[in-house]
N, C-alpha and C. Protein backbone atom coordinates (compact mmCIF):
# COMPACT_ATOMS: atom_id res chain seq x y z
N PRO A 1 45.44 99.75 -127.66
CA PRO A 1 44.75 99.90 -128.53
C PRO A 1 45.97 101.30 -129.07
N ASN A 2 45.59 101.09 -130.58
CA ASN A 2 46.88 102.11 -131.42
C ASN A 2 46.55 102.94 -131.87
N SER A 3 45.09 103.35 -131.60
CA SER A 3 45.21 105.13 -131.65
C SER A 3 44.71 105.72 -130.94
N PRO A 4 44.36 106.67 -130.87
CA PRO A 4 43.47 107.46 -130.01
C PRO A 4 41.89 107.43 -130.13
N TYR A 5 41.52 107.36 -131.31
CA TYR A 5 40.30 106.10 -131.80
C TYR A 5 39.91 105.02 -131.31
N ALA A 6 40.91 104.25 -131.55
CA ALA A 6 40.89 102.91 -130.38
C ALA A 6 40.82 103.14 -129.01
N LEU A 7 41.43 103.47 -128.94
CA LEU A 7 41.50 103.87 -127.12
C LEU A 7 40.36 104.45 -126.56
N VAL A 8 39.90 105.90 -127.40
CA VAL A 8 38.64 106.38 -126.82
C VAL A 8 37.32 105.09 -126.90
N LYS A 9 37.73 104.01 -127.74
CA LYS A 9 36.35 103.31 -128.04
C LYS A 9 36.28 102.41 -126.58
N GLN A 10 37.74 101.57 -126.17
CA GLN A 10 37.91 100.94 -125.33
C GLN A 10 37.71 101.37 -124.03
N LEU A 11 38.22 102.77 -123.42
CA LEU A 11 37.63 103.34 -122.26
C LEU A 11 36.17 102.94 -121.82
N THR A 12 35.72 103.60 -123.44
CA THR A 12 33.59 104.14 -123.38
C THR A 12 33.27 102.34 -122.92
N THR A 13 33.81 101.51 -123.69
CA THR A 13 33.53 99.90 -123.22
C THR A 13 33.75 99.82 -121.74
N ASN A 14 34.99 99.71 -121.32
CA ASN A 14 35.15 99.87 -119.72
C ASN A 14 34.53 100.46 -118.74
N THR A 15 34.28 101.69 -118.90
CA THR A 15 33.55 102.54 -118.33
C THR A 15 32.03 101.91 -118.50
N SER A 16 31.40 101.60 -119.30
CA SER A 16 30.39 101.35 -119.18
C SER A 16 30.10 100.04 -118.62
N MET A 17 31.53 99.16 -118.17
CA MET A 17 31.26 97.65 -118.01
C MET A 17 31.22 97.80 -116.59
N MET A 18 32.12 99.19 -116.17
CA MET A 18 32.46 99.42 -114.32
C MET A 18 30.79 99.77 -113.87
N LEU A 19 30.35 100.71 -114.76
CA LEU A 19 28.83 101.11 -114.43
C LEU A 19 27.69 99.62 -114.35
N TYR A 20 28.05 98.75 -115.29
CA TYR A 20 27.06 97.63 -115.15
C TYR A 20 27.59 96.40 -113.55
N ARG A 21 28.87 96.00 -113.44
CA ARG A 21 28.92 95.71 -112.42
C ARG A 21 29.16 96.60 -111.00
N ASN A 22 29.11 97.34 -110.94
CA ASN A 22 29.33 98.26 -109.78
C ASN A 22 27.85 98.75 -109.68
N TYR A 23 27.21 98.88 -110.65
CA TYR A 23 25.77 99.65 -109.95
C TYR A 23 24.68 98.73 -110.61
N GLY A 24 24.92 97.99 -111.46
CA GLY A 24 23.54 97.13 -112.27
C GLY A 24 23.18 98.38 -112.85
N PHE A 25 23.73 99.13 -113.64
CA PHE A 25 23.41 99.97 -115.07
C PHE A 25 23.38 98.99 -116.05
N PRO A 26 22.06 99.47 -116.62
CA PRO A 26 22.06 98.72 -118.04
C PRO A 26 22.75 99.21 -119.12
N ILE A 27 23.40 98.25 -119.68
CA ILE A 27 24.55 98.55 -121.04
C ILE A 27 24.41 97.91 -121.74
N MET A 28 24.74 98.74 -123.34
CA MET A 28 24.33 97.83 -124.77
C MET A 28 25.79 98.24 -125.21
N VAL A 29 26.86 98.03 -125.63
CA VAL A 29 28.19 97.97 -126.44
C VAL A 29 27.22 98.03 -127.72
N VAL A 30 27.29 98.62 -128.71
CA VAL A 30 27.37 98.37 -129.97
C VAL A 30 28.28 99.54 -130.80
N ARG A 31 28.51 98.58 -131.89
CA ARG A 31 30.13 99.31 -132.68
C ARG A 31 29.63 99.11 -133.96
N PRO A 32 29.05 99.61 -134.57
CA PRO A 32 27.79 99.76 -135.60
C PRO A 32 28.94 99.17 -136.77
N GLY A 33 28.72 98.20 -137.84
CA GLY A 33 29.95 98.27 -138.70
C GLY A 33 29.48 99.20 -140.41
N ASN A 34 28.41 99.42 -140.20
CA ASN A 34 27.93 100.00 -141.52
C ASN A 34 27.54 101.59 -141.07
N LEU A 35 28.29 102.11 -141.26
CA LEU A 35 28.17 103.92 -140.76
C LEU A 35 27.12 104.63 -142.25
N PHE A 36 26.61 105.54 -141.52
CA PHE A 36 26.15 106.10 -142.84
C PHE A 36 25.63 107.88 -142.07
N GLY A 37 25.23 108.45 -143.51
CA GLY A 37 25.22 109.64 -143.28
C GLY A 37 24.49 110.17 -144.07
N PRO A 38 24.09 111.36 -144.60
CA PRO A 38 23.11 112.24 -145.50
C PRO A 38 23.43 111.97 -146.73
N LEU A 39 25.14 111.78 -147.47
CA LEU A 39 25.82 112.00 -148.52
C LEU A 39 25.84 110.20 -148.96
N GLN A 40 25.47 109.06 -148.16
CA GLN A 40 25.33 108.02 -148.61
C GLN A 40 24.55 107.64 -149.91
N ASN A 41 25.22 106.63 -150.60
CA ASN A 41 24.13 106.31 -151.48
C ASN A 41 22.96 105.97 -151.69
N LYS A 42 21.87 105.97 -151.76
CA LYS A 42 20.57 105.71 -151.45
C LYS A 42 20.76 104.25 -151.81
N ASP A 43 20.71 103.26 -152.03
CA ASP A 43 21.12 102.25 -152.70
C ASP A 43 21.80 101.22 -151.66
N LYS A 44 22.58 101.89 -150.70
CA LYS A 44 23.04 101.11 -149.73
C LYS A 44 22.37 100.79 -148.31
N PHE A 45 22.38 99.98 -147.49
CA PHE A 45 21.42 98.83 -146.81
C PHE A 45 20.80 99.92 -145.65
N ILE A 46 21.39 100.47 -144.92
CA ILE A 46 20.43 101.68 -144.06
C ILE A 46 19.65 102.96 -144.77
N PRO A 47 20.26 103.33 -145.89
CA PRO A 47 19.47 104.15 -146.71
C PRO A 47 18.18 103.17 -147.33
N TYR A 48 18.62 102.21 -148.29
CA TYR A 48 17.44 101.35 -148.55
C TYR A 48 16.52 101.14 -147.57
N VAL A 49 16.89 100.66 -146.37
CA VAL A 49 15.42 100.22 -145.44
C VAL A 49 15.25 101.41 -144.65
N VAL A 50 15.46 102.37 -144.46
CA VAL A 50 14.63 103.77 -143.94
C VAL A 50 13.79 104.13 -144.97
N GLY A 51 14.07 104.21 -146.48
CA GLY A 51 13.46 104.54 -147.58
C GLY A 51 11.81 103.55 -147.47
N GLN A 52 12.28 102.02 -147.37
CA GLN A 52 11.04 101.30 -147.54
C GLN A 52 10.42 101.62 -146.31
N LEU A 53 10.56 101.59 -145.36
CA LEU A 53 9.81 101.84 -144.12
C LEU A 53 9.13 102.65 -144.43
N ARG A 54 9.98 103.83 -144.77
CA ARG A 54 8.80 105.39 -144.61
C ARG A 54 7.83 105.30 -145.80
N SER A 55 8.24 104.63 -146.89
CA SER A 55 7.23 104.63 -147.76
C SER A 55 5.91 103.10 -147.89
N GLY A 56 6.07 102.30 -146.56
CA GLY A 56 5.10 101.11 -146.64
C GLY A 56 5.97 100.10 -146.64
N LEU A 57 6.76 100.33 -147.75
CA LEU A 57 7.27 99.03 -148.54
C LEU A 57 7.47 98.01 -147.96
N PRO A 58 8.13 96.53 -148.51
CA PRO A 58 8.73 95.34 -147.98
C PRO A 58 9.68 95.72 -147.80
N LEU A 59 10.71 94.74 -146.91
CA LEU A 59 12.35 94.84 -147.30
C LEU A 59 12.65 93.93 -147.48
N ASN A 60 12.98 93.53 -148.81
CA ASN A 60 13.90 92.59 -149.41
C ASN A 60 14.82 92.37 -149.37
N VAL A 61 15.33 91.52 -148.49
CA VAL A 61 17.21 91.28 -148.07
C VAL A 61 17.29 90.07 -148.46
N SER A 62 18.90 89.43 -148.23
CA SER A 62 19.46 88.28 -148.52
C SER A 62 19.24 87.42 -147.19
N PRO A 63 19.36 86.11 -147.73
CA PRO A 63 18.77 85.31 -146.02
C PRO A 63 19.96 85.13 -145.66
N CYS A 64 21.08 85.92 -145.53
CA CYS A 64 22.12 86.52 -144.77
C CYS A 64 22.69 84.69 -144.53
N GLU A 65 23.22 84.42 -145.61
CA GLU A 65 23.80 82.98 -145.56
C GLU A 65 25.64 83.05 -146.11
N GLN A 66 25.97 84.27 -146.62
CA GLN A 66 27.37 84.79 -146.75
C GLN A 66 28.39 84.94 -145.66
N LYS A 67 29.22 84.09 -145.76
CA LYS A 67 30.22 83.94 -144.84
C LYS A 67 31.66 84.85 -145.54
N ARG A 68 32.84 85.24 -144.47
CA ARG A 68 33.34 86.18 -144.76
C ARG A 68 34.52 85.62 -144.09
């Protein structure tokens, strides 16, 4: 890791994996690529999904065919 942030991410993953291997502790490593917060534009993905769910409206999303 080339930064304190990356180091902590790696240490957290390693510790979690050790808990799984040694104790069978169920884990799931999640590294979200779409961080969000209260100041995020309401048209972005997560605020859109939350707003639609709260309103009881359907979610209109892409068919996820884009490639990067």
